Amino acid sequence: MKFDDIDKKILDTLQSNARITNAQLAQDAGISPPGMLERVRRLENSGVIKKYVALLNPEKVGRGTLAMVSISLDVHQIPQIEKFTEEINKVEEVLECYHLAGGDDFLLKVAVNDISDYENFMLTKLTKIPGVSKVKTSFILSTVKFDTKLNINSNNHK
């Protein structure tokens, strides 16, 4: 999908403030509110805008212990991978799951209350998933950079 300068402005603004009114967004981009609404709907319907969310502070909601967890499966075949991804999508502690090429098969970002909660998660949920052969955990001490905003102003998009 090609983006013109107005599309880029819309996407840039919405990534910083998804609660902006349509009227303010239209004014900022220099187009009419009905035109803005049409553009935003087009970006939503095409899948460029996936959803709107509120980002929470994990510590304030009892999920202040974050971990990156590398997973290796014992078998690297499609049914095993599909079963793992189906099961991991049911686990509420897992915020993100990436299928990897290289040494490990999956990388998870996990949010729990404390180390005891992590132990419970690992023993009662993660290692119960069929095919999990190796779990390697790194606990996050502090967040140096956290950003959800993608740069759409470069010429590297299609």
C-alpha atoms as a PDB file:
ATOM      1  CA  MET A   1       0.000   0.000   0.000  1.00  0.00           C
ATOM      2  CA  LYS A   2       1.333   3.430  -0.932  1.00  0.00           C
ATOM      3  CA  PHE A   3       1.048   6.237   1.592  1.00  0.00           C
ATOM      4  CA  ASP A   4       0.820   9.888   0.687  1.00  0.00           C
ATOM      5  CA  ASP A   5       1.930  12.635   3.070  1.00  0.00           C
ATOM      6  CA  ILE A   6      -1.524  12.852   4.671  1.00  0.00           C
ATOM      7  CA  ASP A   7      -1.626   9.092   5.329  1.00  0.00           C
ATOM      8  CA  LYS A   8       1.830   9.336   6.908  1.00  0.00           C
ATOM      9  CA  LYS A   9       0.674  12.230   9.109  1.00  0.00           C
ATOM     10  CA  ILE A  10      -2.420  10.270  10.180  1.00  0.00           C
ATOM     11  CA  LEU A  11      -0.410   7.152  11.043  1.00  0.00           C
ATOM     12  CA  ASP A  12       2.291   9.111  12.840  1.00  0.00           C
ATOM     13  CA  THR A  13      -0.256  11.037  14.921  1.00  0.00           C
ATOM     14  CA  LEU A  14      -2.431   8.029  15.783  1.00  0.00           C
ATOM     15  CA  GLN A  15       0.604   6.070  16.988  1.00  0.00           C
ATOM     16  CA  SER A  16       1.310   8.844  19.484  1.00  0.00           C
ATOM     17  CA  ASN A  17      -2.280   9.680  20.404  1.00  0.00           C
ATOM     18  CA  ALA A  18      -5.036   7.286  19.347  1.00  0.00           C
ATOM     19  CA  ARG A  19      -7.550   9.285  21.392  1.00  0.00           C
ATOM     20  CA  ILE A  20      -7.265  12.384  19.206  1.00  0.00           C
ATOM     21  CA  THR A  21     -10.605  13.499  17.830  1.00  0.00           C
ATOM     22  CA  ASN A  22     -11.340  13.120  14.148  1.00  0.00           C
ATOM     23  CA  ALA A  23     -11.819  16.901  13.938  1.00  0.00           C
ATOM     24  CA  GLN A  24      -8.403  17.617  15.493  1.00  0.00           C
ATOM     25  CA  LEU A  25      -6.713  14.984  13.327  1.00  0.00           C
ATOM     26  CA  ALA A  26      -8.316  16.504  10.238  1.00  0.00           C
ATOM     27  CA  GLN A  27      -7.231  19.998  11.249  1.00  0.00           C
ATOM     28  CA  ASP A  28      -3.656  18.832  11.906  1.00  0.00           C
ATOM     29  CA  ALA A  29      -3.488  17.126   8.505  1.00  0.00           C
ATOM     30  CA  GLY A  30      -5.198  19.998   6.680  1.00  0.00           C
ATOM     31  CA  ILE A  31      -8.221  18.101   5.344  1.00  0.00           C
ATOM     32  CA  SER A  32     -11.951  18.013   6.110  1.00  0.00           C
ATOM     33  CA  PRO A  33     -13.327  15.812   8.921  1.00  0.00           C
ATOM     34  CA  PRO A  34     -15.361  13.637   6.489  1.00  0.00           C
ATOM     35  CA  GLY A  35     -12.252  13.168   4.333  1.00  0.00           C
ATOM     36  CA  MET A  36     -10.273  12.235   7.432  1.00  0.00           C
ATOM     37  CA  LEU A  37     -12.858   9.712   8.540  1.00  0.00           C
ATOM     38  CA  GLU A  38     -12.750   8.087   5.101  1.00  0.00           C
ATOM     39  CA  ARG A  39      -8.944   7.888   5.162  1.00  0.00           C
ATOM     40  CA  VAL A  40      -8.822   6.403   8.667  1.00  0.00           C
ATOM     41  CA  ARG A  41     -11.470   3.809   7.744  1.00  0.00           C
ATOM     42  CA  ARG A  42      -9.460   2.891   4.627  1.00  0.00           C
ATOM     43  CA  LEU A  43      -6.333   2.412   6.752  1.00  0.00           C
ATOM     44  CA  GLU A  44      -8.311   0.287   9.234  1.00  0.00           C
ATOM     45  CA  ASN A  45     -10.048  -1.815   6.569  1.00  0.00           C
ATOM     46  CA  SER A  46      -6.776  -2.488   4.746  1.00  0.00           C
ATOM     47  CA  GLY A  47      -5.208  -3.778   7.964  1.00  0.00           C
ATOM     48  CA  VAL A  48      -2.591  -1.025   8.247  1.00  0.00           C
ATOM     49  CA  ILE A  49      -4.219   0.037  11.524  1.00  0.00           C
ATOM     50  CA  LYS A  50      -4.707  -3.232  13.434  1.00  0.00           C
ATOM     51  CA  LYS A  51      -6.308  -1.917  16.636  1.00  0.00           C
ATOM     52  CA  TYR A  52      -6.310   0.838  19.234  1.00  0.00           C
ATOM     53  CA  VAL A  53      -5.050   0.117  22.746  1.00  0.00           C
ATOM     54  CA  ALA A  54      -4.145   1.670  26.086  1.00  0.00           C
ATOM     55  CA  LEU A  55      -0.618   0.841  27.238  1.00  0.00           C
ATOM     56  CA  LEU A  56      -0.524  -0.013  30.938  1.00  0.00           C
ATOM     57  CA  ASN A  57       2.289   0.286  33.446  1.00  0.00           C
ATOM     58  CA  PRO A  58       3.007  -3.373  34.382  1.00  0.00           C
ATOM     59  CA  GLU A  59       4.090  -2.483  37.926  1.00  0.00           C
ATOM     60  CA  LYS A  60       0.833  -0.599  38.621  1.00  0.00           C
ATOM     61  CA  VAL A  61      -1.286  -3.626  37.647  1.00  0.00           C
ATOM     62  CA  GLY A  62       0.666  -6.345  39.456  1.00  0.00           C
ATOM     63  CA  ARG A  63       2.727  -7.559  36.513  1.00  0.00           C
ATOM     64  CA  GLY A  64       6.033  -5.819  37.256  1.00  0.00           C
ATOM     65  CA  THR A  65       8.300  -8.831  36.751  1.00  0.00           C
ATOM     66  CA  LEU A  66       9.079  -9.170  33.057  1.00  0.00           C
ATOM     67  CA  ALA A  67      11.061 -11.959  31.452  1.00  0.00           C
ATOM     68  CA  MET A  68      12.270 -12.937  28.017  1.00  0.00           C
ATOM     69  CA  VAL A  69      11.938 -16.695  27.638  1.00  0.00           C
ATOM     70  CA  SER A  70      13.635 -18.723  24.904  1.00  0.00           C
ATOM     71  CA  ILE A  71      11.917 -21.979  23.998  1.00  0.00           C
ATOM     72  CA  SER A  72      13.260 -24.955  22.085  1.00  0.00           C
ATOM     73  CA  LEU A  73      10.953 -27.684  20.830  1.00  0.00           C
ATOM     74  CA  ASP A  74      11.968 -31.327  20.671  1.00  0.00           C
ATOM     75  CA  VAL A  75      10.553 -31.762  17.145  1.00  0.00           C
ATOM     76  CA  HIS A  76      10.687 -29.140  14.384  1.00  0.00           C
ATOM     77  CA  GLN A  77       7.704 -30.155  12.296  1.00  0.00           C
ATOM     78  CA  ILE A  78       4.607 -28.178  11.371  1.00  0.00           C
ATOM     79  CA  PRO A  79       2.149 -30.084  13.623  1.00  0.00           C
ATOM     80  CA  GLN A  80       4.419 -29.550  16.663  1.00  0.00           C
ATOM     81  CA  ILE A  81       4.886 -25.848  15.885  1.00  0.00           C
ATOM     82  CA  GLU A  82       1.154 -25.368  15.318  1.00  0.00           C
ATOM     83  CA  LYS A  83       0.322 -27.123  18.605  1.00  0.00           C
ATOM     84  CA  PHE A  84       2.804 -24.960  20.517  1.00  0.00           C
ATOM     85  CA  THR A  85       1.471 -21.715  19.010  1.00  0.00           C
ATOM     86  CA  GLU A  86      -2.124 -22.776  19.683  1.00  0.00           C
ATOM     87  CA  GLU A  87      -1.328 -23.507  23.340  1.00  0.00           C
ATOM     88  CA  ILE A  88       0.865 -20.454  23.966  1.00  0.00           C
ATOM     89  CA  ASN A  89      -1.904 -18.177  22.686  1.00  0.00           C
ATOM     90  CA  LYS A  90      -4.047 -19.384  25.609  1.00  0.00           C
ATOM     91  CA  VAL A  91      -1.495 -18.351  28.257  1.00  0.00           C
ATOM     92  CA  GLU A  92      -2.339 -14.924  29.696  1.00  0.00           C
ATOM     93  CA  GLU A  93       1.132 -14.262  31.116  1.00  0.00           C
ATOM     94  CA  VAL A  94       2.632 -14.318  27.603  1.00  0.00           C
ATOM     95  CA  LEU A  95       2.494 -10.809  26.116  1.00  0.00           C
ATOM     96  CA  GLU A  96       4.416 -11.553  22.928  1.00  0.00           C
ATOM     97  CA  CYS A  97       5.540 -14.701  21.134  1.00  0.00           C
ATOM     98  CA  TYR A  98       7.947 -14.783  18.196  1.00  0.00           C
ATOM     99  CA  HIS A  99       8.826 -17.784  16.021  1.00  0.00           C
ATOM    100  CA  LEU A 100      12.578 -17.615  15.423  1.00  0.00           C
ATOM    101  CA  ALA A 101      15.220 -18.841  13.037  1.00  0.00           C
ATOM    102  CA  GLY A 102      18.506 -19.740  14.676  1.00  0.00           C
ATOM    103  CA  GLY A 103      19.311 -21.455  17.962  1.00  0.00           C
ATOM    104  CA  ASP A 104      15.933 -21.282  19.719  1.00  0.00           C
ATOM    105  CA  ASP A 105      12.490 -21.849  18.243  1.00  0.00           C
ATOM    106  CA  PHE A 106      10.429 -19.219  20.070  1.00  0.00           C
ATOM    107  CA  LEU A 107      10.991 -16.100  22.142  1.00  0.00           C
ATOM    108  CA  LEU A 108       8.341 -15.060  24.656  1.00  0.00           C
ATOM    109  CA  LYS A 109       7.857 -11.861  26.608  1.00  0.00           C
ATOM    110  CA  VAL A 110       6.221 -12.810  29.891  1.00  0.00           C
ATOM    111  CA  ALA A 111       4.692 -10.570  32.580  1.00  0.00           C
ATOM    112  CA  VAL A 112       4.091 -11.871  36.103  1.00  0.00           C
ATOM    113  CA  ASN A 113       3.820 -10.415  39.593  1.00  0.00           C
ATOM    114  CA  ASP A 114       7.049 -11.830  41.007  1.00  0.00           C
ATOM    115  CA  ILE A 115       9.547 -14.709  40.794  1.00  0.00           C
ATOM    116  CA  SER A 116       7.183 -17.052  42.618  1.00  0.00           C
ATOM    117  CA  ASP A 117       4.491 -16.338  40.008  1.00  0.00           C
ATOM    118  CA  TYR A 118       7.053 -17.006  37.275  1.00  0.00           C
ATOM    119  CA  GLU A 119       7.931 -20.358  38.817  1.00  0.00           C
ATOM    120  CA  ASN A 120       4.240 -21.265  38.939  1.00  0.00           C
ATOM    121  CA  PHE A 121       3.776 -20.136  35.301  1.00  0.00           C
ATOM    122  CA  MET A 122       6.760 -22.195  34.163  1.00  0.00           C
ATOM    123  CA  LEU A 123       5.876 -25.361  36.074  1.00  0.00           C
ATOM    124  CA  THR A 124       2.100 -25.410  35.606  1.00  0.00           C
ATOM    125  CA  LYS A 125       1.701 -23.866  32.164  1.00  0.00           C
ATOM    126  CA  LEU A 126       4.807 -23.515  30.019  1.00  0.00           C
ATOM    127  CA  THR A 127       6.452 -26.895  30.599  1.00  0.00           C
ATOM    128  CA  LYS A 128       3.066 -28.634  30.322  1.00  0.00           C
ATOM    129  CA  ILE A 129       2.861 -27.693  26.628  1.00  0.00           C
ATOM    130  CA  PRO A 130       3.718 -30.807  24.613  1.00  0.00           C
ATOM    131  CA  GLY A 131       7.057 -30.653  22.814  1.00  0.00           C
ATOM    132  CA  VAL A 132       8.775 -28.036  24.953  1.00  0.00           C
ATOM    133  CA  SER A 133      12.284 -29.412  25.486  1.00  0.00           C
ATOM    134  CA  LYS A 134      14.286 -26.421  26.713  1.00  0.00           C
ATOM    135  CA  VAL A 135      13.381 -23.200  28.534  1.00  0.00           C
ATOM    136  CA  LYS A 136      15.904 -20.407  29.074  1.00  0.00           C
ATOM    137  CA  THR A 137      14.780 -17.347  31.045  1.00  0.00           C
ATOM    138  CA  SER A 138      16.293 -13.868  31.261  1.00  0.00           C
ATOM    139  CA  PHE A 139      14.647 -11.475  33.699  1.00  0.00           C
ATOM    140  CA  ILE A 140      14.368  -7.838  32.685  1.00  0.00           C
ATOM    141  CA  LEU A 141      16.104  -5.601  35.222  1.00  0.00           C
ATOM    142  CA  SER A 142      15.011  -2.301  33.666  1.00  0.00           C
ATOM    143  CA  THR A 143      13.628  -1.041  30.400  1.00  0.00           C
ATOM    144  CA  VAL A 144      16.113   1.109  28.512  1.00  0.00           C
ATOM    145  CA  LYS A 145      13.823   1.732  25.533  1.00  0.00           C
ATOM    146  CA  PHE A 146      10.179   0.900  24.981  1.00  0.00           C
ATOM    147  CA  ASP A 147       8.422   2.214  21.922  1.00  0.00           C
ATOM    148  CA  THR A 148       5.406   1.018  19.987  1.00  0.00           C
ATOM    149  CA  LYS A 149       5.699   3.619  17.243  1.00  0.00           C
ATOM    150  CA  LEU A 150       6.820   2.536  13.765  1.00  0.00           C
ATOM    151  CA  ASN A 151       8.576   5.073  11.541  1.00  0.00           C
ATOM    152  CA  ILE A 152       6.426   5.323   8.412  1.00  0.00           C
ATOM    153  CA  ASN A 153       8.139   8.426   7.045  1.00  0.00           C
ATOM    154  CA  SER A 154      11.007   6.513   5.441  1.00  0.00           C
ATOM    155  CA  ASN A 155      10.868   5.281   1.865  1.00  0.00           C
ATOM    156  CA  ASN A 156      11.232   1.641   2.895  1.00  0.00           C
ATOM    157  CA  HIS A 157       7.532   0.717   2.814  1.00  0.00           C
ATOM    158  CA  LYS A 158       5.590  -0.824  -0.025  1.00  0.00           C
END
